[in-house]
Amino acid sequence: MAFAIDFPESYYREFLADYTRKRDWLCEALASLGFRVYPPEGSYYLLVDITSIGFDDDLEFCRMLPERAGVAAIPCSLFWKDRSQGRHLVRFCFCKQEETLEEGIGRLRRWLK
């Protein structure tokens, strides 16, 4: 924080614009694959409802996703006291290079088809 406090205002404007663009792009890309997407307002994770593509257990989904699709997601049920309330949600992170996001969507697209 002490280092970043002296950054020019333009750095923060560009940072926000970059993350907003990546967020919007990933939301649209995941929606085009059939996911019900819940865009964040202040985070670099977005939530998707996996029931929209035929899954109902976030842990099972996140365990098999890297092997089958080559992509990682974070199960959300672990954030709930009652795990059943979040079993239908997983998190994807968009604070990555654009090429990485594009590759991830390509992998998901190939896996889902």
PDB file of N, CA and C in Angstrom:
ATOM      1  N   MET A   1       0.828  -1.184   0.000  1.00  0.00           N
ATOM      2  CA  MET A   1       0.000   0.000   0.000  1.00  0.00           C
ATOM      3  C   MET A   1       0.873   1.248   0.000  1.00  0.00           C
ATOM      4  N   ALA A   2       1.893   1.257   0.838  1.00  0.00           N
ATOM      5  CA  ALA A   2       2.748   2.445   0.921  1.00  0.00           C
ATOM      6  C   ALA A   2       3.379   2.748  -0.435  1.00  0.00           C
ATOM      7  N   PHE A   3       3.755   1.723  -1.161  1.00  0.00           N
ATOM      8  CA  PHE A   3       4.359   1.901  -2.486  1.00  0.00           C
ATOM      9  C   PHE A   3       3.323   2.423  -3.485  1.00  0.00           C
ATOM     10  N   ALA A   4       2.135   1.838  -3.466  1.00  0.00           N
ATOM     11  CA  ALA A   4       1.104   2.162  -4.461  1.00  0.00           C
ATOM     12  C   ALA A   4       0.433   3.507  -4.219  1.00  0.00           C
ATOM     13  N   ILE A   5       0.497   4.025  -3.039  1.00  0.00           N
ATOM     14  CA  ILE A   5      -0.197   5.282  -2.733  1.00  0.00           C
ATOM     15  C   ILE A   5       0.348   6.446  -3.555  1.00  0.00           C
ATOM     16  N   ASP A   6       1.573   6.324  -4.023  1.00  0.00           N
ATOM     17  CA  ASP A   6       2.169   7.395  -4.820  1.00  0.00           C
ATOM     18  C   ASP A   6       1.969   7.229  -6.322  1.00  0.00           C
ATOM     19  N   PHE A   7       1.255   6.186  -6.732  1.00  0.00           N
ATOM     20  CA  PHE A   7       0.988   5.998  -8.157  1.00  0.00           C
ATOM     21  C   PHE A   7       0.095   7.132  -8.659  1.00  0.00           C
ATOM     22  N   PRO A   8       0.249   7.519  -9.910  1.00  0.00           N
ATOM     23  CA  PRO A   8      -0.611   8.578 -10.456  1.00  0.00           C
ATOM     24  C   PRO A   8      -2.059   8.093 -10.591  1.00  0.00           C
ATOM     25  N   GLU A   9      -2.962   9.019 -10.578  1.00  0.00           N
ATOM     26  CA  GLU A   9      -4.391   8.704 -10.718  1.00  0.00           C
ATOM     27  C   GLU A   9      -4.671   7.921 -11.998  1.00  0.00           C
ATOM     28  N   SER A  10      -3.908   8.189 -13.035  1.00  0.00           N
ATOM     29  CA  SER A  10      -4.100   7.493 -14.310  1.00  0.00           C
ATOM     30  C   SER A  10      -3.888   5.986 -14.165  1.00  0.00           C
ATOM     31  N   TYR A  11      -2.991   5.575 -13.290  1.00  0.00           N
ATOM     32  CA  TYR A  11      -2.761   4.139 -13.065  1.00  0.00           C
ATOM     33  C   TYR A  11      -4.054   3.473 -12.599  1.00  0.00           C
ATOM     34  N   TYR A  12      -4.733   4.086 -11.668  1.00  0.00           N
ATOM     35  CA  TYR A  12      -5.958   3.502 -11.106  1.00  0.00           C
ATOM     36  C   TYR A  12      -7.101   3.526 -12.109  1.00  0.00           C
ATOM     37  N   ARG A  13      -7.195   4.568 -12.915  1.00  0.00           N
ATOM     38  CA  ARG A  13      -8.216   4.615 -13.964  1.00  0.00           C
ATOM     39  C   ARG A  13      -8.000   3.486 -14.971  1.00  0.00           C
ATOM     40  N   GLU A  14      -6.755   3.304 -15.395  1.00  0.00           N
ATOM     41  CA  GLU A  14      -6.428   2.244 -16.358  1.00  0.00           C
ATOM     42  C   GLU A  14      -6.636   0.855 -15.748  1.00  0.00           C
ATOM     43  N   PHE A  15      -6.263   0.701 -14.498  1.00  0.00           N
ATOM     44  CA  PHE A  15      -6.445  -0.571 -13.794  1.00  0.00           C
ATOM     45  C   PHE A  15      -7.930  -0.939 -13.742  1.00  0.00           C
ATOM     46  N   LEU A  16      -8.766   0.009 -13.358  1.00  0.00           N
ATOM     47  CA  LEU A  16     -10.208  -0.219 -13.282  1.00  0.00           C
ATOM     48  C   LEU A  16     -10.784  -0.526 -14.661  1.00  0.00           C
ATOM     49  N   ALA A  17     -10.374   0.209 -15.662  1.00  0.00           N
ATOM     50  CA  ALA A  17     -10.875  -0.024 -17.021  1.00  0.00           C
ATOM     51  C   ALA A  17     -10.470  -1.411 -17.518  1.00  0.00           C
ATOM     52  N   ASP A  18      -9.245  -1.827 -17.232  1.00  0.00           N
ATOM     53  CA  ASP A  18      -8.757  -3.139 -17.654  1.00  0.00           C
ATOM     54  C   ASP A  18      -9.550  -4.259 -16.991  1.00  0.00           C
ATOM     55  N   TYR A  19      -9.741  -4.162 -15.693  1.00  0.00           N
ATOM     56  CA  TYR A  19     -10.495  -5.209 -14.977  1.00  0.00           C
ATOM     57  C   TYR A  19     -11.965  -5.208 -15.366  1.00  0.00           C
ATOM     58  N   THR A  20     -12.525  -4.046 -15.595  1.00  0.00           N
ATOM     59  CA  THR A  20     -13.925  -3.973 -16.024  1.00  0.00           C
ATOM     60  C   THR A  20     -14.094  -4.637 -17.379  1.00  0.00           C
ATOM     61  N   ARG A  21     -13.177  -4.384 -18.296  1.00  0.00           N
ATOM     62  CA  ARG A  21     -13.226  -4.997 -19.623  1.00  0.00           C
ATOM     63  C   ARG A  21     -13.094  -6.517 -19.524  1.00  0.00           C
ATOM     64  N   LYS A  22     -12.148  -6.997 -18.727  1.00  0.00           N
ATOM     65  CA  LYS A  22     -11.966  -8.443 -18.556  1.00  0.00           C
ATOM     66  C   LYS A  22     -13.197  -9.082 -17.901  1.00  0.00           C
ATOM     67  N   ARG A  23     -13.744  -8.416 -16.908  1.00  0.00           N
ATOM     68  CA  ARG A  23     -14.949  -8.921 -16.245  1.00  0.00           C
ATOM     69  C   ARG A  23     -16.091  -9.056 -17.239  1.00  0.00           C
ATOM     70  N   ASP A  24     -16.336  -7.996 -17.971  1.00  0.00           N
ATOM     71  CA  ASP A  24     -17.444  -8.009 -18.926  1.00  0.00           C
ATOM     72  C   ASP A  24     -17.241  -9.063 -20.007  1.00  0.00           C
ATOM     73  N   TRP A  25     -16.013  -9.179 -20.502  1.00  0.00           N
ATOM     74  CA  TRP A  25     -15.720 -10.167 -21.538  1.00  0.00           C
ATOM     75  C   TRP A  25     -15.954 -11.578 -21.014  1.00  0.00           C
ATOM     76  N   LEU A  26     -15.439 -11.885 -19.819  1.00  0.00           N
ATOM     77  CA  LEU A  26     -15.590 -13.231 -19.276  1.00  0.00           C
ATOM     78  C   LEU A  26     -17.057 -13.534 -18.957  1.00  0.00           C
ATOM     79  N   CYS A  27     -17.776 -12.572 -18.450  1.00  0.00           N
ATOM     80  CA  CYS A  27     -19.214 -12.778 -18.193  1.00  0.00           C
ATOM     81  C   CYS A  27     -19.942 -13.139 -19.476  1.00  0.00           C
ATOM     82  N   GLU A  28     -19.694 -12.393 -20.524  1.00  0.00           N
ATOM     83  CA  GLU A  28     -20.349 -12.668 -21.815  1.00  0.00           C
ATOM     84  C   GLU A  28     -19.928 -14.019 -22.379  1.00  0.00           C
ATOM     85  N   ALA A  29     -18.634 -14.334 -22.282  1.00  0.00           N
ATOM     86  CA  ALA A  29     -18.135 -15.605 -22.820  1.00  0.00           C
ATOM     87  C   ALA A  29     -18.744 -16.790 -22.076  1.00  0.00           C
ATOM     88  N   LEU A  30     -18.804 -16.723 -20.754  1.00  0.00           N
ATOM     89  CA  LEU A  30     -19.382 -17.823 -19.981  1.00  0.00           C
ATOM     90  C   LEU A  30     -20.892 -17.938 -20.223  1.00  0.00           C
ATOM     91  N   ALA A  31     -21.560 -16.809 -20.354  1.00  0.00           N
ATOM     92  CA  ALA A  31     -22.996 -16.841 -20.661  1.00  0.00           C
ATOM     93  C   ALA A  31     -23.236 -17.484 -22.019  1.00  0.00           C
ATOM     94  N   SER A  32     -22.354 -17.226 -22.974  1.00  0.00           N
ATOM     95  CA  SER A  32     -22.512 -17.812 -24.313  1.00  0.00           C
ATOM     96  C   SER A  32     -22.330 -19.325 -24.286  1.00  0.00           C
ATOM     97  N   LEU A  33     -21.695 -19.850 -23.239  1.00  0.00           N
ATOM     98  CA  LEU A  33     -21.509 -21.292 -23.085  1.00  0.00           C
ATOM     99  C   LEU A  33     -22.661 -21.938 -22.317  1.00  0.00           C
ATOM    100  N   GLY A  34     -23.604 -21.125 -21.863  1.00  0.00           N
ATOM    101  CA  GLY A  34     -24.770 -21.657 -21.170  1.00  0.00           C
ATOM    102  C   GLY A  34     -24.781 -21.457 -19.677  1.00  0.00           C
ATOM    103  N   PHE A  35     -23.745 -20.858 -19.126  1.00  0.00           N
ATOM    104  CA  PHE A  35     -23.717 -20.605 -17.688  1.00  0.00           C
ATOM    105  C   PHE A  35     -24.627 -19.427 -17.341  1.00  0.00           C
ATOM    106  N   ARG A  36     -25.297 -19.506 -16.211  1.00  0.00           N
ATOM    107  CA  ARG A  36     -25.989 -18.347 -15.638  1.00  0.00           C
ATOM    108  C   ARG A  36     -24.930 -17.615 -14.826  1.00  0.00           C
ATOM    109  N   VAL A  37     -24.648 -16.382 -15.212  1.00  0.00           N
ATOM    110  CA  VAL A  37     -23.522 -15.635 -14.659  1.00  0.00           C
ATOM    111  C   VAL A  37     -24.018 -14.541 -13.717  1.00  0.00           C
ATOM    112  N   TYR A  38     -23.310 -14.402 -12.598  1.00  0.00           N
ATOM    113  CA  TYR A  38     -23.580 -13.333 -11.635  1.00  0.00           C
ATOM    114  C   TYR A  38     -22.352 -12.432 -11.574  1.00  0.00           C
ATOM    115  N   PRO A  39     -22.363 -11.322 -12.316  1.00  0.00           N
ATOM    116  CA  PRO A  39     -21.194 -10.430 -12.365  1.00  0.00           C
ATOM    117  C   PRO A  39     -20.929  -9.776 -11.009  1.00  0.00           C
ATOM    118  N   PRO A  40     -19.666  -9.639 -10.653  1.00  0.00           N
ATOM    119  CA  PRO A  40     -19.330  -8.957  -9.395  1.00  0.00           C
ATOM    120  C   PRO A  40     -19.360  -7.446  -9.572  1.00  0.00           C
ATOM    121  N   GLU A  41     -19.464  -6.753  -8.452  1.00  0.00           N
ATOM    122  CA  GLU A  41     -19.388  -5.296  -8.489  1.00  0.00           C
ATOM    123  C   GLU A  41     -18.082  -4.785  -7.901  1.00  0.00           C
ATOM    124  N   GLY A  42     -17.339  -5.641  -7.206  1.00  0.00           N
ATOM    125  CA  GLY A  42     -16.106  -5.154  -6.599  1.00  0.00           C
ATOM    126  C   GLY A  42     -15.111  -6.255  -6.301  1.00  0.00           C
ATOM    127  N   SER A  43     -15.059  -7.242  -7.125  1.00  0.00           N
ATOM    128  CA  SER A  43     -14.167  -8.375  -6.912  1.00  0.00           C
ATOM    129  C   SER A  43     -13.611  -8.818  -8.258  1.00  0.00           C
ATOM    130  N   TYR A  44     -12.586  -9.624  -8.253  1.00  0.00           N
ATOM    131  CA  TYR A  44     -12.088 -10.167  -9.513  1.00  0.00           C
ATOM    132  C   TYR A  44     -12.485 -11.622  -9.684  1.00  0.00           C
ATOM    133  N   TYR A  45     -13.515 -12.032  -8.966  1.00  0.00           N
ATOM    134  CA  TYR A  45     -14.154 -13.335  -9.158  1.00  0.00           C
ATOM    135  C   TYR A  45     -15.570 -13.096  -9.634  1.00  0.00           C
ATOM    136  N   LEU A  46     -16.053 -13.953 -10.520  1.00  0.00           N
ATOM    137  CA  LEU A  46     -17.466 -13.910 -10.847  1.00  0.00           C
ATOM    138  C   LEU A  46     -18.054 -15.273 -10.555  1.00  0.00           C
ATOM    139  N   LEU A  47     -19.309 -15.281 -10.202  1.00  0.00           N
ATOM    140  CA  LEU A  47     -20.005 -16.521  -9.866  1.00  0.00           C
ATOM    141  C   LEU A  47     -20.809 -17.005 -11.058  1.00  0.00           C
ATOM    142  N   VAL A  48     -20.837 -18.328 -11.215  1.00  0.00           N
ATOM    143  CA  VAL A  48     -21.713 -18.931 -12.210  1.00  0.00           C
ATOM    144  C   VAL A  48     -22.514 -20.036 -11.543  1.00  0.00           C
ATOM    145  N   ASP A  49     -23.729 -20.202 -12.024  1.00  0.00           N
ATOM    146  CA  ASP A  49     -24.618 -21.256 -11.557  1.00  0.00           C
ATOM    147  C   ASP A  49     -24.399 -22.469 -12.454  1.00  0.00           C
ATOM    148  N   ILE A  50     -23.877 -23.560 -11.880  1.00  0.00           N
ATOM    149  CA  ILE A  50     -23.559 -24.740 -12.681  1.00  0.00           C
ATOM    150  C   ILE A  50     -24.778 -25.591 -12.996  1.00  0.00           C
ATOM    151  N   THR A  51     -25.907 -25.320 -12.335  1.00  0.00           N
ATOM    152  CA  THR A  51     -27.114 -26.073 -12.695  1.00  0.00           C
ATOM    153  C   THR A  51     -27.570 -25.711 -14.096  1.00  0.00           C
ATOM    154  N   SER A  52     -27.173 -24.535 -14.567  1.00  0.00           N
ATOM    155  CA  SER A  52     -27.559 -24.092 -15.908  1.00  0.00           C
ATOM    156  C   SER A  52     -26.891 -24.924 -17.005  1.00  0.00           C
ATOM    157  N   ILE A  53     -25.846 -25.693 -16.641  1.00  0.00           N
ATOM    158  CA  ILE A  53     -25.211 -26.585 -17.628  1.00  0.00           C
ATOM    159  C   ILE A  53     -25.303 -28.054 -17.196  1.00  0.00           C
ATOM    160  N   GLY A  54     -26.188 -28.331 -16.236  1.00  0.00           N
ATOM    161  CA  GLY A  54     -26.470 -29.719 -15.880  1.00  0.00           C
ATOM    162  C   GLY A  54     -25.712 -30.302 -14.702  1.00  0.00           C
ATOM    163  N   PHE A  55     -25.068 -29.485 -13.888  1.00  0.00           N
ATOM    164  CA  PHE A  55     -24.359 -29.968 -12.701  1.00  0.00           C
ATOM    165  C   PHE A  55     -25.033 -29.421 -11.447  1.00  0.00           C
ATOM    166  N   ASP A  56     -24.864 -30.127 -10.324  1.00  0.00           N
ATOM    167  CA  ASP A  56     -25.509 -29.646  -9.097  1.00  0.00           C
ATOM    168  C   ASP A  56     -24.614 -29.732  -7.868  1.00  0.00           C
ATOM    169  N   ASP A  57     -23.346 -30.085  -8.038  1.00  0.00           N
ATOM    170  CA  ASP A  57     -22.433 -30.184  -6.897  1.00  0.00           C
ATOM    171  C   ASP A  57     -21.127 -29.475  -7.241  1.00  0.00           C
ATOM    172  N   ASP A  58     -20.918 -28.328  -6.609  1.00  0.00           N
ATOM    173  CA  ASP A  58     -19.752 -27.504  -6.916  1.00  0.00           C
ATOM    174  C   ASP A  58     -18.432 -28.211  -6.637  1.00  0.00           C
ATOM    175  N   LEU A  59     -18.351 -28.996  -5.569  1.00  0.00           N
ATOM    176  CA  LEU A  59     -17.099 -29.702  -5.269  1.00  0.00           C
ATOM    177  C   LEU A  59     -16.787 -30.735  -6.341  1.00  0.00           C
ATOM    178  N   GLU A  60     -17.775 -31.512  -6.699  1.00  0.00           N
ATOM    179  CA  GLU A  60     -17.584 -32.515  -7.748  1.00  0.00           C
ATOM    180  C   GLU A  60     -17.191 -31.845  -9.068  1.00  0.00           C
ATOM    181  N   PHE A  61     -17.895 -30.778  -9.406  1.00  0.00           N
ATOM    182  CA  PHE A  61     -17.624 -30.035 -10.637  1.00  0.00           C
ATOM    183  C   PHE A  61     -16.184 -29.511 -10.651  1.00  0.00           C
ATOM    184  N   CYS A  62     -15.760 -28.874  -9.554  1.00  0.00           N
ATOM    185  CA  CYS A  62     -14.425 -28.273  -9.501  1.00  0.00           C
ATOM    186  C   CYS A  62     -13.320 -29.319  -9.447  1.00  0.00           C
ATOM    187  N   ARG A  63     -13.622 -30.484  -8.936  1.00  0.00           N
ATOM    188  CA  ARG A  63     -12.619 -31.560  -8.914  1.00  0.00           C
ATOM    189  C   ARG A  63     -12.395 -32.150 -10.305  1.00  0.00           C
ATOM    190  N   MET A  64     -13.432 -32.277 -11.095  1.00  0.00           N
ATOM    191  CA  MET A  64     -13.289 -32.904 -12.409  1.00  0.00           C
ATOM    192  C   MET A  64     -12.931 -31.901 -13.498  1.00  0.00           C
ATOM    193  N   LEU A  65     -13.180 -30.629 -13.297  1.00  0.00           N
ATOM    194  CA  LEU A  65     -12.973 -29.617 -14.327  1.00  0.00           C
ATOM    195  C   LEU A  65     -11.528 -29.539 -14.848  1.00  0.00           C
ATOM    196  N   PRO A  66     -10.514 -29.520 -13.997  1.00  0.00           N
ATOM    197  CA  PRO A  66      -9.143 -29.445 -14.537  1.00  0.00           C
ATOM    198  C   PRO A  66      -8.783 -30.641 -15.430  1.00  0.00           C
ATOM    199  N   GLU A  67      -9.211 -31.829 -15.033  1.00  0.00           N
ATOM    200  CA  GLU A  67      -8.877 -33.015 -15.825  1.00  0.00           C
ATOM    201  C   GLU A  67      -9.638 -33.054 -17.144  1.00  0.00           C
ATOM    202  N   ARG A  68     -10.906 -32.721 -17.106  1.00  0.00           N
ATOM    203  CA  ARG A  68     -11.736 -32.826 -18.310  1.00  0.00           C
ATOM    204  C   ARG A  68     -11.626 -31.624 -19.232  1.00  0.00           C
ATOM    205  N   ALA A  69     -11.494 -30.433 -18.654  1.00  0.00           N
ATOM    206  CA  ALA A  69     -11.484 -29.222 -19.478  1.00  0.00           C
ATOM    207  C   ALA A  69     -10.160 -28.467 -19.444  1.00  0.00           C
ATOM    208  N   GLY A  70      -9.312 -28.763 -18.462  1.00  0.00           N
ATOM    209  CA  GLY A  70      -8.058 -28.028 -18.353  1.00  0.00           C
ATOM    210  C   GLY A  70      -8.231 -26.630 -17.802  1.00  0.00           C
ATOM    211  N   VAL A  71      -9.286 -26.455 -16.990  1.00  0.00           N
ATOM    212  CA  VAL A  71      -9.625 -25.158 -16.410  1.00  0.00           C
ATOM    213  C   VAL A  71      -9.913 -25.374 -14.929  1.00  0.00           C
ATOM    214  N   ALA A  72      -9.617 -24.389 -14.116  1.00  0.00           N
ATOM    215  CA  ALA A  72      -9.896 -24.488 -12.683  1.00  0.00           C
ATOM    216  C   ALA A  72     -10.971 -23.484 -12.278  1.00  0.00           C
ATOM    217  N   ALA A  73     -11.782 -23.888 -11.312  1.00  0.00           N
ATOM    218  CA  ALA A  73     -12.797 -23.019 -10.709  1.00  0.00           C
ATOM    219  C   ALA A  73     -12.768 -23.264  -9.206  1.00  0.00           C
ATOM    220  N   ILE A  74     -13.398 -22.401  -8.462  1.00  0.00           N
ATOM    221  CA  ILE A  74     -13.412 -22.485  -7.003  1.00  0.00           C
ATOM    222  C   ILE A  74     -14.833 -22.798  -6.538  1.00  0.00           C
ATOM    223  N   PRO A  75     -14.995 -23.863  -5.746  1.00  0.00           N
ATOM    224  CA  PRO A  75     -16.337 -24.184  -5.242  1.00  0.00           C
ATOM    225  C   PRO A  75     -16.790 -23.138  -4.229  1.00  0.00           C
ATOM    226  N   CYS A  76     -18.053 -22.760  -4.291  1.00  0.00           N
ATOM    227  CA  CYS A  76     -18.564 -21.715  -3.402  1.00  0.00           C
ATOM    228  C   CYS A  76     -19.219 -22.248  -2.133  1.00  0.00           C
ATOM    229  N   SER A  77     -19.629 -23.502  -2.141  1.00  0.00           N
ATOM    230  CA  SER A  77     -20.363 -24.018  -0.981  1.00  0.00           C
ATOM    231  C   SER A  77     -19.530 -23.968   0.292  1.00  0.00           C
ATOM    232  N   LEU A  78     -18.225 -23.931   0.148  1.00  0.00           N
ATOM    233  CA  LEU A  78     -17.353 -23.886   1.319  1.00  0.00           C
ATOM    234  C   LEU A  78     -17.449 -22.548   2.060  1.00  0.00           C
ATOM    235  N   PHE A  79     -18.046 -21.555   1.434  1.00  0.00           N
ATOM    236  CA  PHE A  79     -18.213 -20.248   2.061  1.00  0.00           C
ATOM    237  C   PHE A  79     -19.533 -20.132   2.836  1.00  0.00           C
ATOM    238  N   TRP A  80     -20.375 -21.148   2.758  1.00  0.00           N
ATOM    239  CA  TRP A  80     -21.656 -21.148   3.447  1.00  0.00           C
ATOM    240  C   TRP A  80     -21.588 -22.028   4.692  1.00  0.00           C
ATOM    241  N   LYS A  81     -22.277 -21.624   5.737  1.00  0.00           N
ATOM    242  CA  LYS A  81     -22.392 -22.469   6.926  1.00  0.00           C
ATOM    243  C   LYS A  81     -23.136 -23.747   6.559  1.00  0.00           C
ATOM    244  N   ASP A  82     -24.215 -23.593   5.803  1.00  0.00           N
ATOM    245  CA  ASP A  82     -24.977 -24.723   5.283  1.00  0.00           C
ATOM    246  C   ASP A  82     -24.565 -24.898   3.833  1.00  0.00           C
ATOM    247  N   ARG A  83     -23.695 -25.866   3.572  1.00  0.00           N
ATOM    248  CA  ARG A  83     -23.115 -26.062   2.253  1.00  0.00           C
ATOM    249  C   ARG A  83     -24.154 -26.175   1.149  1.00  0.00           C
ATOM    250  N   SER A  84     -25.333 -26.682   1.463  1.00  0.00           N
ATOM    251  CA  SER A  84     -26.358 -26.872   0.431  1.00  0.00           C
ATOM    252  C   SER A  84     -26.774 -25.550  -0.214  1.00  0.00           C
ATOM    253  N   GLN A  85     -26.578 -24.449   0.479  1.00  0.00           N
ATOM    254  CA  GLN A  85     -26.984 -23.153  -0.064  1.00  0.00           C
ATOM    255  C   GLN A  85     -26.078 -22.668  -1.191  1.00  0.00           C
ATOM    256  N   GLY A  86     -24.854 -23.177  -1.267  1.00  0.00           N
ATOM    257  CA  GLY A  86     -23.943 -22.698  -2.299  1.00  0.00           C
ATOM    258  C   GLY A  86     -23.468 -23.772  -3.257  1.00  0.00           C
ATOM    259  N   ARG A  87     -24.056 -24.947  -3.186  1.00  0.00           N
ATOM    260  CA  ARG A  87     -23.596 -26.074  -4.011  1.00  0.00           C
ATOM    261  C   ARG A  87     -23.743 -25.837  -5.502  1.00  0.00           C
ATOM    262  N   HIS A  88     -24.574 -24.908  -5.894  1.00  0.00           N
ATOM    263  CA  HIS A  88     -24.826 -24.673  -7.316  1.00  0.00           C
ATOM    264  C   HIS A  88     -23.925 -23.585  -7.913  1.00  0.00           C
ATOM    265  N   LEU A  89     -23.028 -23.033  -7.107  1.00  0.00           N
ATOM    266  CA  LEU A  89     -22.206 -21.910  -7.557  1.00  0.00           C
ATOM    267  C   LEU A  89     -20.714 -22.239  -7.554  1.00  0.00           C
ATOM    268  N   VAL A  90     -20.014 -21.754  -8.571  1.00  0.00           N
ATOM    269  CA  VAL A  90     -18.552 -21.790  -8.585  1.00  0.00           C
ATOM    270  C   VAL A  90     -18.039 -20.414  -8.995  1.00  0.00           C
ATOM    271  N   ARG A  91     -16.785 -20.162  -8.643  1.00  0.00           N
ATOM    272  CA  ARG A  91     -16.159 -18.879  -8.945  1.00  0.00           C
ATOM    273  C   ARG A  91     -15.091 -19.060 -10.010  1.00  0.00           C
ATOM    274  N   PHE A  92     -15.073 -18.123 -10.954  1.00  0.00           N
ATOM    275  CA  PHE A  92     -14.001 -18.020 -11.928  1.00  0.00           C
ATOM    276  C   PHE A  92     -13.313 -16.677 -11.708  1.00  0.00           C
ATOM    277  N   CYS A  93     -12.020 -16.648 -11.878  1.00  0.00           N
ATOM    278  CA  CYS A  93     -11.228 -15.448 -11.648  1.00  0.00           C
ATOM    279  C   CYS A  93     -10.868 -14.790 -12.983  1.00  0.00           C
ATOM    280  N   PHE A  94     -10.978 -13.478 -13.054  1.00  0.00           N
ATOM    281  CA  PHE A  94     -10.644 -12.793 -14.312  1.00  0.00           C
ATOM    282  C   PHE A  94      -9.431 -11.874 -14.193  1.00  0.00           C
ATOM    283  N   CYS A  95      -8.675 -11.959 -13.094  1.00  0.00           N
ATOM    284  CA  CYS A  95      -7.456 -11.134 -12.977  1.00  0.00           C
ATOM    285  C   CYS A  95      -6.284 -11.917 -13.578  1.00  0.00           C
ATOM    286  N   LYS A  96      -6.397 -12.150 -14.873  1.00  0.00           N
ATOM    287  CA  LYS A  96      -5.416 -12.932 -15.624  1.00  0.00           C
ATOM    288  C   LYS A  96      -5.125 -12.214 -16.940  1.00  0.00           C
ATOM    289  N   GLN A  97      -4.088 -12.667 -17.616  1.00  0.00           N
ATOM    290  CA  GLN A  97      -3.785 -12.140 -18.944  1.00  0.00           C
ATOM    291  C   GLN A  97      -4.941 -12.483 -19.890  1.00  0.00           C
ATOM    292  N   GLU A  98      -5.198 -11.612 -20.845  1.00  0.00           N
ATOM    293  CA  GLU A  98      -6.286 -11.848 -21.795  1.00  0.00           C
ATOM    294  C   GLU A  98      -6.117 -13.180 -22.523  1.00  0.00           C
ATOM    295  N   GLU A  99      -4.882 -13.512 -22.885  1.00  0.00           N
ATOM    296  CA  GLU A  99      -4.626 -14.768 -23.588  1.00  0.00           C
ATOM    297  C   GLU A  99      -5.024 -15.970 -22.728  1.00  0.00           C
ATOM    298  N   THR A 100      -4.790 -15.881 -21.433  1.00  0.00           N
ATOM    299  CA  THR A 100      -5.146 -16.959 -20.514  1.00  0.00           C
ATOM    300  C   THR A 100      -6.662 -17.109 -20.432  1.00  0.00           C
ATOM    301  N   LEU A 101      -7.374 -15.994 -20.351  1.00  0.00           N
ATOM    302  CA  LEU A 101      -8.838 -16.036 -20.310  1.00  0.00           C
ATOM    303  C   LEU A 101      -9.398 -16.631 -21.603  1.00  0.00           C
ATOM    304  N   GLU A 102      -8.850 -16.195 -22.729  1.00  0.00           N
ATOM    305  CA  GLU A 102      -9.309 -16.713 -24.022  1.00  0.00           C
ATOM    306  C   GLU A 102      -9.050 -18.216 -24.142  1.00  0.00           C
ATOM    307  N   GLU A 103      -7.891 -18.668 -23.705  1.00  0.00           N
ATOM    308  CA  GLU A 103      -7.569 -20.096 -23.744  1.00  0.00           C
ATOM    309  C   GLU A 103      -8.528 -20.879 -22.845  1.00  0.00           C
ATOM    310  N   GLY A 104      -8.809 -20.353 -21.672  1.00  0.00           N
ATOM    311  CA  GLY A 104      -9.734 -21.021 -20.754  1.00  0.00           C
ATOM    312  C   GLY A 104     -11.124 -21.163 -21.339  1.00  0.00           C
ATOM    313  N   ILE A 105     -11.618 -20.115 -21.974  1.00  0.00           N
ATOM    314  CA  ILE A 105     -12.939 -20.176 -22.604  1.00  0.00           C
ATOM    315  C   ILE A 105     -12.919 -21.167 -23.766  1.00  0.00           C
ATOM    316  N   GLY A 106     -11.845 -21.183 -24.527  1.00  0.00           N
ATOM    317  CA  GLY A 106     -11.722 -22.149 -25.614  1.00  0.00           C
ATOM    318  C   GLY A 106     -11.761 -23.582 -25.102  1.00  0.00           C
ATOM    319  N   ARG A 107     -11.083 -23.828 -24.008  1.00  0.00           N
ATOM    320  CA  ARG A 107     -11.080 -25.167 -23.408  1.00  0.00           C
ATOM    321  C   ARG A 107     -12.470 -25.551 -22.911  1.00  0.00           C
ATOM    322  N   LEU A 108     -13.136 -24.610 -22.251  1.00  0.00           N
ATOM    323  CA  LEU A 108     -14.500 -24.888 -21.779  1.00  0.00           C
ATOM    324  C   LEU A 108     -15.428 -25.150 -22.953  1.00  0.00           C
ATOM    325  N   ARG A 109     -15.295 -24.365 -23.996  1.00  0.00           N
ATOM    326  CA  ARG A 109     -16.139 -24.523 -25.190  1.00  0.00           C
ATOM    327  C   ARG A 109     -15.965 -25.931 -25.790  1.00  0.00           C
ATOM    328  N   ARG A 110     -14.717 -26.340 -25.954  1.00  0.00           N
ATOM    329  CA  ARG A 110     -14.448 -27.669 -26.507  1.00  0.00           C
ATOM    330  C   ARG A 110     -15.001 -28.770 -25.600  1.00  0.00           C
ATOM    331  N   TRP A 111     -14.854 -28.624 -24.311  1.00  0.00           N
ATOM    332  CA  TRP A 111     -15.335 -29.630 -23.359  1.00  0.00           C
ATOM    333  C   TRP A 111     -16.866 -29.718 -23.354  1.00  0.00           C
ATOM    334  N   LEU A 112     -17.521 -28.587 -23.404  1.00  0.00           N
ATOM    335  CA  LEU A 112     -18.991 -28.570 -23.306  1.00  0.00           C
ATOM    336  C   LEU A 112     -19.670 -29.028 -24.575  1.00  0.00           C
ATOM    337  N   LYS A 113     -18.969 -29.055 -25.700  1.00  0.00           N
ATOM    338  CA  LYS A 113     -19.610 -29.446 -26.955  1.00  0.00           C
ATOM    339  C   LYS A 113     -19.497 -30.897 -27.203  1.00  0.00           C
TER     340      LYS A 113
END
